[in-house]
Protein backbone atom coordinates (compact mmCIF):
# COMPACT_ATOMS: atom_id res chain seq x y z
CA UNK A 1 -12.26 16.99 -16.01
CA UNK A 2 -10.92 14.64 -19.03
CA UNK A 3 -8.74 17.31 -19.82
CA UNK A 4 -7.71 17.21 -15.61
CA UNK A 5 -7.23 13.57 -15.72
CA UNK A 6 -5.15 13.87 -18.90
CA UNK A 7 -2.78 16.71 -17.32
CA UNK A 8 -2.32 14.66 -13.94
CA UNK A 9 -1.41 11.57 -16.03
CA UNK A 10 1.02 13.51 -17.98
CA UNK A 11 2.74 14.52 -14.70
CA UNK A 12 3.38 10.83 -13.61
CA UNK A 13 6.54 10.55 -16.19
CA UNK A 14 8.06 13.79 -14.74
CA UNK A 15 7.62 12.78 -10.97
CA UNK A 16 9.08 9.36 -11.91
CA UNK A 17 11.92 10.85 -14.12
CA UNK A 18 12.72 13.07 -10.89
CA UNK A 19 13.05 10.09 -8.47
CA UNK A 20 15.15 8.16 -10.86
CA UNK A 21 17.38 11.12 -11.51
CA UNK A 22 17.82 11.77 -7.60
CA UNK A 23 18.19 7.81 -6.85
CA UNK A 24 20.46 7.38 -10.10
CA UNK A 25 22.49 10.39 -8.30
CA UNK A 26 22.77 8.61 -5.04
CA UNK A 27 24.04 5.25 -7.14
CA UNK A 28 26.91 6.90 -8.47
CA UNK A 29 28.54 7.78 -4.72
CA UNK A 30 28.91 4.00 -4.85
CA UNK A 31 32.05 2.25 -6.40
CA UNK A 32 31.62 1.31 -10.03
CA UNK A 33 32.19 -2.42 -8.77
CA UNK A 34 29.10 -2.10 -6.54
CA UNK A 35 26.97 -0.68 -9.23
CA UNK A 36 28.06 -3.50 -11.44
CA UNK A 37 25.73 -5.66 -9.49
CA UNK A 38 22.85 -4.21 -11.50
CA UNK A 39 24.03 -6.18 -14.35
CA UNK A 40 25.15 -9.42 -12.54
CA UNK A 41 22.45 -11.92 -13.25
CA UNK A 42 25.02 -15.07 -12.42
CA UNK A 43 27.15 -15.34 -9.15
CA UNK A 44 29.81 -16.60 -11.89
CA UNK A 45 30.13 -13.13 -13.34
CA UNK A 46 31.22 -11.66 -10.09
CA UNK A 47 34.82 -12.64 -10.97
CA UNK A 48 34.84 -10.79 -13.74
CA UNK A 49 33.34 -7.60 -12.52
CA UNK A 50 35.74 -5.61 -14.91
CA UNK A 51 34.15 -6.90 -18.14
CA UNK A 52 30.78 -5.75 -16.74
CA UNK A 53 32.28 -2.82 -15.73
CA UNK A 54 33.75 -2.27 -19.18
CA UNK A 55 30.51 -3.84 -20.93
CA UNK A 56 28.12 -1.46 -19.59
CA UNK A 57 30.29 1.63 -19.16
CA UNK A 58 30.05 2.37 -15.71
CA UNK A 59 33.17 4.66 -15.69
CA UNK A 60 31.34 6.84 -18.10
CA UNK A 61 29.86 10.35 -16.97
CA UNK A 62 26.74 10.15 -15.00
CA UNK A 63 24.71 11.94 -17.70
CA UNK A 64 25.60 9.24 -20.36
CA UNK A 65 25.24 6.25 -17.69
CA UNK A 66 21.80 7.79 -16.69
CA UNK A 67 20.43 8.02 -20.33
CA UNK A 68 21.49 4.60 -20.77
CA UNK A 69 19.78 3.16 -17.67
CA UNK A 70 16.41 5.29 -18.39
CA UNK A 71 16.32 3.59 -22.03
CA UNK A 72 16.45 0.37 -20.69
CA UNK A 73 13.84 1.24 -17.92
CA UNK A 74 11.54 2.52 -20.52
CA UNK A 75 11.74 -0.77 -22.13
CA UNK A 76 10.86 -2.61 -19.11
CA UNK A 77 14.45 -3.72 -17.92
CA UNK A 78 15.16 -2.42 -14.81
CA UNK A 79 18.11 -4.84 -13.90
CA UNK A 80 18.26 -7.78 -11.81
CA UNK A 81 17.36 -8.26 -8.28
CA UNK A 82 20.03 -10.22 -6.31
CA UNK A 83 17.93 -10.01 -3.35
CA UNK A 84 15.30 -11.64 -5.10
CA UNK A 85 16.97 -14.06 -7.78
CA UNK A 86 15.13 -12.62 -10.51
CA UNK A 87 14.58 -9.63 -12.89
CA UNK A 88 13.26 -6.43 -11.07
CA UNK A 89 10.13 -6.35 -13.12
CA UNK A 90 9.51 -9.90 -12.41
CA UNK A 91 10.06 -9.33 -8.65
CA UNK A 92 7.49 -6.72 -8.68
CA UNK A 93 4.96 -8.78 -10.66
CA UNK A 94 5.58 -11.74 -8.09
CA UNK A 95 5.65 -9.53 -4.68
CA UNK A 96 3.00 -6.70 -5.76
CA UNK A 97 -0.28 -8.77 -5.64
CA UNK A 98 0.44 -10.08 -2.17
CA UNK A 99 0.66 -6.36 -0.65
CA UNK A 100 -1.67 -5.19 -2.65
CA UNK A 101 -4.47 -8.13 -1.42
CA UNK A 102 -3.16 -7.43 2.16
CA UNK A 103 -3.08 -3.45 1.99
CA UNK A 104 -6.79 -3.54 0.07
CA UNK A 105 -8.15 -5.92 3.29
CA UNK A 106 -6.90 -3.64 6.06
CA UNK A 107 -8.10 -0.52 3.97
CA UNK A 108 -11.88 -1.84 3.76
CA UNK A 109 -11.43 -2.23 7.92
CA UNK A 110 -10.17 1.23 8.19
CA UNK A 111 -12.50 3.13 6.06
CA UNK A 112 -15.11 1.15 7.78
CA UNK A 113 -14.17 1.31 11.67
CA UNK A 114 -12.55 4.67 10.75
CA UNK A 115 -15.76 6.16 9.30
CA UNK A 116 -18.01 4.68 11.82
CA UNK A 117 -16.15 5.66 14.96
CA UNK A 118 -15.54 9.07 13.52
CA UNK A 119 -19.24 9.54 13.10
CA UNK A 120 -20.38 8.35 16.67
CA UNK A 121 -17.58 10.16 18.22
CA UNK A 122 -18.90 13.38 16.71
CA UNK A 123 -22.10 12.58 17.46
CA UNK A 124 -21.68 11.98 21.18
CA UNK A 125 -18.98 14.65 21.51
CA UNK A 126 -17.65 15.16 24.84
CA UNK A 127 -19.48 12.24 26.30
CA UNK A 128 -18.55 8.99 27.39
CA UNK A 129 -18.57 7.30 23.96
CA UNK A 130 -16.61 10.16 22.52
CA UNK A 131 -13.98 9.70 24.96
CA UNK A 132 -13.88 5.90 25.01
CA UNK A 133 -13.44 6.10 20.93
CA UNK A 134 -10.43 8.76 21.40
CA UNK A 135 -8.90 6.55 23.99
CA UNK A 136 -9.16 3.29 22.26
CA UNK A 137 -7.72 5.13 18.93
CA UNK A 138 -4.75 6.69 20.87
CA UNK A 139 -4.11 3.69 22.42
CA UNK A 140 -4.18 1.74 19.16
CA UNK A 141 -2.13 4.48 17.50
CA UNK A 142 0.59 4.76 20.30
CA UNK A 143 1.32 1.25 20.62
CA UNK A 144 4.41 0.00 18.04
CA UNK A 145 2.80 -2.10 15.04
CA UNK A 146 5.30 -4.81 15.48
CA UNK A 147 4.28 -5.39 19.33
CA UNK A 148 0.43 -5.34 18.54
CA UNK A 149 1.21 -7.85 15.49
CA UNK A 150 3.02 -10.04 18.23
CA UNK A 151 0.78 -9.95 20.90
CA UNK A 152 -2.15 -10.38 18.40
CA UNK A 153 0.17 -13.50 16.64
CA UNK A 154 0.59 -14.87 20.48
CA UNK A 155 -2.89 -15.02 21.25
CA UNK A 156 -4.86 -15.82 18.35
CA UNK A 157 -2.55 -18.35 16.90
CA UNK A 158 -0.15 -19.36 19.57
CA UNK A 159 -3.04 -19.77 22.22
CA UNK A 160 -5.80 -20.33 19.99
CA UNK A 161 -4.39 -21.49 16.67
CA UNK A 162 -7.35 -19.65 14.90
CA UNK A 163 -5.29 -17.43 12.51
CA UNK A 164 -1.66 -18.81 11.30
CA UNK A 165 1.14 -16.56 9.81
CA UNK A 166 2.40 -16.48 6.13
CA UNK A 167 -0.14 -16.08 2.81
CA UNK A 168 -1.39 -19.83 3.01
CA UNK A 169 -0.99 -23.25 4.69
CA UNK A 170 1.52 -26.12 2.99
CA UNK A 171 -1.51 -27.75 1.42
CA UNK A 172 -2.81 -24.62 -0.22
CA UNK A 173 0.71 -24.31 -1.42
CA UNK A 174 0.62 -27.60 -2.84
CA UNK A 175 -2.29 -26.67 -4.88
CA UNK A 176 -1.41 -22.97 -5.70
CA UNK A 177 1.60 -24.25 -7.41
CA UNK A 178 0.60 -27.71 -8.81
CA UNK A 179 -0.23 -27.88 -12.61
CA UNK A 180 -4.38 -27.42 -12.17
CA UNK A 181 -4.33 -24.15 -10.78
CA UNK A 182 -4.12 -21.27 -13.11
CA UNK A 183 -2.61 -17.89 -11.77
CA UNK A 184 -5.09 -15.65 -13.72
CA UNK A 185 -4.34 -12.52 -11.47
CA UNK A 186 -1.59 -13.05 -9.37
CA UNK A 187 -3.88 -12.21 -6.37
CA UNK A 188 -4.66 -15.74 -4.26
CA UNK A 189 -8.08 -14.67 -3.39
CA UNK A 190 -9.30 -14.07 -6.57
CA UNK A 191 -7.66 -16.80 -8.32
CA UNK A 192 -8.60 -19.40 -5.70
CA UNK A 193 -12.34 -18.40 -6.79
CA UNK A 194 -11.50 -18.54 -10.44
CA UNK A 195 -10.12 -22.01 -10.13
CA UNK A 196 -13.00 -23.05 -7.92
CA UNK A 197 -10.66 -23.91 -4.97
CA UNK A 198 -12.63 -22.84 -2.03
CA UNK A 199 -10.60 -24.16 0.29
CA UNK A 200 -7.62 -22.15 -0.75
CA UNK A 201 -9.62 -19.01 -0.71
CA UNK A 202 -10.79 -19.77 2.93
CA UNK A 203 -7.42 -20.73 3.97
CA UNK A 204 -6.12 -17.50 2.20
CA UNK A 205 -8.69 -15.39 4.02
CA UNK A 206 -7.66 -17.14 7.32
CA UNK A 207 -4.44 -15.96 6.69
CA UNK A 208 -4.96 -12.53 5.99
CA UNK A 209 -7.09 -11.60 8.59
CA UNK A 210 -4.56 -10.75 11.52
CA UNK A 211 -2.13 -8.72 9.58
CA UNK A 212 -4.87 -6.82 8.03
CA UNK A 213 -6.36 -6.22 11.62
CA UNK A 214 -2.95 -5.12 12.61
CA UNK A 215 -2.31 -2.59 9.92
CA UNK A 216 -5.95 -1.53 10.57
CA UNK A 217 -5.49 -0.79 14.37
CA UNK A 218 -2.16 0.92 13.60
CA UNK A 219 -3.66 3.13 10.54
CA UNK A 220 -7.19 3.88 11.02
CA UNK A 221 -6.42 6.56 14.24
CA UNK A 222 -6.02 9.38 11.88
CA UNK A 223 -8.86 8.49 9.86
CA UNK A 224 -11.34 8.42 12.91
CA UNK A 225 -9.79 12.23 14.05
CA UNK A 226 -10.29 13.54 10.40
CA UNK A 227 -14.06 12.13 10.37
CA UNK A 228 -14.70 13.16 13.67
CA UNK A 229 -13.24 16.73 12.73
CA UNK A 230 -15.40 16.67 9.54
CA UNK A 231 -18.49 15.63 11.02
CA UNK A 232 -18.40 18.48 14.01
CA UNK A 233 -18.09 21.20 11.24
CA UNK A 234 -20.65 19.78 9.07
CA UNK A 235 -23.28 19.31 12.17
CA UNK A 236 -22.63 23.47 12.75
CA UNK A 237 -24.04 24.35 9.46
CA UNK A 238 -27.35 25.62 8.60
CA UNK A 239 -28.60 22.86 6.27
CA UNK A 240 -28.41 20.41 9.41
CA UNK A 241 -30.04 22.82 11.41
CA UNK A 242 -32.66 23.18 9.05
CA UNK A 243 -32.99 19.31 8.37
CA UNK A 244 -33.66 18.93 12.38
CA UNK A 245 -36.64 21.67 12.07
CA UNK A 246 -38.03 19.81 9.23
CA UNK A 247 -38.38 16.88 11.28
CA UNK A 248 -36.00 14.35 9.44
CA UNK A 249 -35.12 11.75 11.85
CA UNK A 250 -31.64 11.93 13.42
CA UNK A 251 -30.37 9.18 11.88
CA UNK A 252 -30.89 10.75 8.31
CA UNK A 253 -29.67 13.81 9.76
CA UNK A 254 -26.36 12.02 10.88
CA UNK A 255 -25.79 9.55 8.33
CA UNK A 256 -27.61 10.82 5.27
CA UNK A 257 -26.68 14.19 4.94
CA UNK A 258 -23.76 15.55 7.44
CA UNK A 259 -21.96 12.03 7.17
CA UNK A 260 -22.16 12.08 3.34
CA UNK A 261 -21.11 15.44 3.08
CA UNK A 262 -18.10 14.96 5.89
CA UNK A 263 -16.34 12.07 3.72
CA UNK A 264 -14.76 14.56 1.17
CA UNK A 265 -11.70 15.08 3.33
CA UNK A 266 -11.86 11.21 4.28
CA UNK A 267 -11.49 10.34 0.62
CA UNK A 268 -8.15 12.39 0.25
CA UNK A 269 -6.76 10.53 3.33
CA UNK A 270 -8.23 7.28 2.68
CA UNK A 271 -6.21 7.01 -1.16
CA UNK A 272 -2.92 8.41 0.70
CA UNK A 273 -3.16 6.22 3.29
CA UNK A 274 -3.88 2.79 0.90
CA UNK A 275 -0.47 3.96 -0.83
CA UNK A 276 1.45 4.15 2.01
CA UNK A 277 0.30 0.86 3.16
CA UNK A 278 1.25 -0.96 -0.36
CA UNK A 279 4.62 0.57 0.29
CA UNK A 280 5.07 0.56 4.08
CA UNK A 281 3.55 -2.88 5.25
CA UNK A 282 7.21 -4.38 5.87
CA UNK A 283 7.04 -4.65 9.54
CA UNK A 284 3.82 -6.47 9.28
CA UNK A 285 4.73 -8.46 6.40
CA UNK A 286 8.32 -9.60 8.54
CA UNK A 287 6.12 -10.49 11.75
CA UNK A 288 3.69 -12.46 10.00
CA UNK A 289 6.17 -14.02 7.35
CA UNK A 290 4.05 -12.43 4.90
CA UNK A 291 5.68 -12.32 1.32
CA UNK A 292 5.15 -8.75 0.09
CA UNK A 293 6.77 -6.24 -1.61
CA UNK A 294 7.31 -4.41 1.48
CA UNK A 295 9.64 -6.90 3.07
CA UNK A 296 11.01 -7.40 -0.57
CA UNK A 297 11.96 -3.51 -0.33
CA UNK A 298 13.72 -3.74 2.73
CA UNK A 299 15.88 -6.82 1.33
CA UNK A 300 16.93 -4.97 -1.39
CA UNK A 301 18.03 -2.00 1.11
CA UNK A 302 19.72 -4.63 3.44
CA UNK A 303 21.37 -6.45 0.37
CA UNK A 304 22.21 -3.05 -1.45
CA UNK A 305 20.32 -4.43 -4.31
CA UNK A 306 20.57 -1.44 -6.38
CA UNK A 307 18.51 -2.35 -9.00
CA UNK A 308 15.76 -3.63 -6.38
CA UNK A 309 15.88 -0.35 -4.68
CA UNK A 310 15.33 1.61 -8.06
CA UNK A 311 12.46 -0.50 -9.00
CA UNK A 312 10.71 -0.46 -5.81
CA UNK A 313 11.30 3.43 -5.45
CA UNK A 314 9.76 4.15 -9.01
CA UNK A 315 6.91 1.66 -7.76
CA UNK A 316 5.86 3.76 -4.85
CA UNK A 317 6.40 6.94 -6.62
CA UNK A 318 3.77 5.90 -9.49
CA UNK A 319 1.43 4.79 -6.82
CA UNK A 320 1.52 7.83 -4.95
CA UNK A 321 0.90 9.90 -8.05
CA UNK A 322 -2.07 7.50 -9.17
CA UNK A 323 -3.35 7.42 -5.62
CA UNK A 324 -3.80 11.24 -5.45
CA UNK A 325 -5.27 11.29 -8.86
CA UNK A 326 -7.82 8.60 -7.73
CA UNK A 327 -8.77 10.60 -4.51
CA UNK A 328 -9.26 13.81 -6.80
CA UNK A 329 -11.80 11.82 -9.24
CA UNK A 330 -13.80 10.57 -6.30
CA UNK A 331 -14.24 14.13 -5.16
CA UNK A 332 -16.57 14.77 -8.14
CA UNK A 333 -18.67 11.39 -7.26
CA UNK A 334 -19.09 12.38 -3.68
CA UNK A 335 -19.76 16.11 -4.03
CA UNK A 336 -21.10 17.04 -7.75
CA UNK A 337 -20.63 20.69 -6.98
CA UNK A 338 -16.73 19.87 -7.05
CA UNK A 339 -15.76 20.28 -10.71
CA UNK A 340 -11.91 19.23 -11.33
CA UNK A 341 -10.79 22.06 -14.04
């Protein structure tokens, strides 16, 4: 298994290399003046773009430019993001924790409700409960996520005033950016606990609920369908009939035996969905004014922030490879019969 993990990790640089080459090739369709924005960190430099082009060799052949950029990227220099007004690496560090926090909260809801509803849907196949679950899942999946987010925001914030948008309130913002607050991890939930700022913790949690629920409703439909199909397959196997013949309770048969074995395809789906949430939360982040990496990625594309687009794409590629690797490793934890070679 160690050799398998090592081989997959060695694939990561190759995947990243392919992504960077493809994106760099696309950027060559832009003029040298537009590509010079990769290196502009001060608006006053915009008046001397010819000097920037000459300094960084933007008129050189593409292979030469690519190798020059790649050497900088290996050292952690991904350029300067105009949309964030900071280096790309700093922008990733600033925006990624908020999105990871949101994606993790949504993923907990997706897995819990996806597995639970998938199990009871299979248990009561073609009955009222099964039809009700499938109708609810289909309705949630069919509703555009921005409409769902706006409806939830209108009801639970506009009418009830329970769950406001943003990452935290103004009072928490003053505490978080105050001199006494230390950012140990960059995750506001964790840092608030480490700083013993419980007001900030519950405030962040209150702001996190609506966007996490919106992401969950828009994402868990596939989880329910996969879990239901996997459960139906397991319930028709001989070991389930044998377990029932031995007099085991239906609860143990459903949740301990069939349910546990049915989780194997769900693990892969969960890993892929979590990575997708990390890179694709832009709509939810926009609706709820949540400062995450998805919204920054779209701003990079809108403002033709080449350095930001390159950095965002590299991050998503790395997350997909690592997410699939984590899912493969979890296979062996759920089912010891599987051995990675």
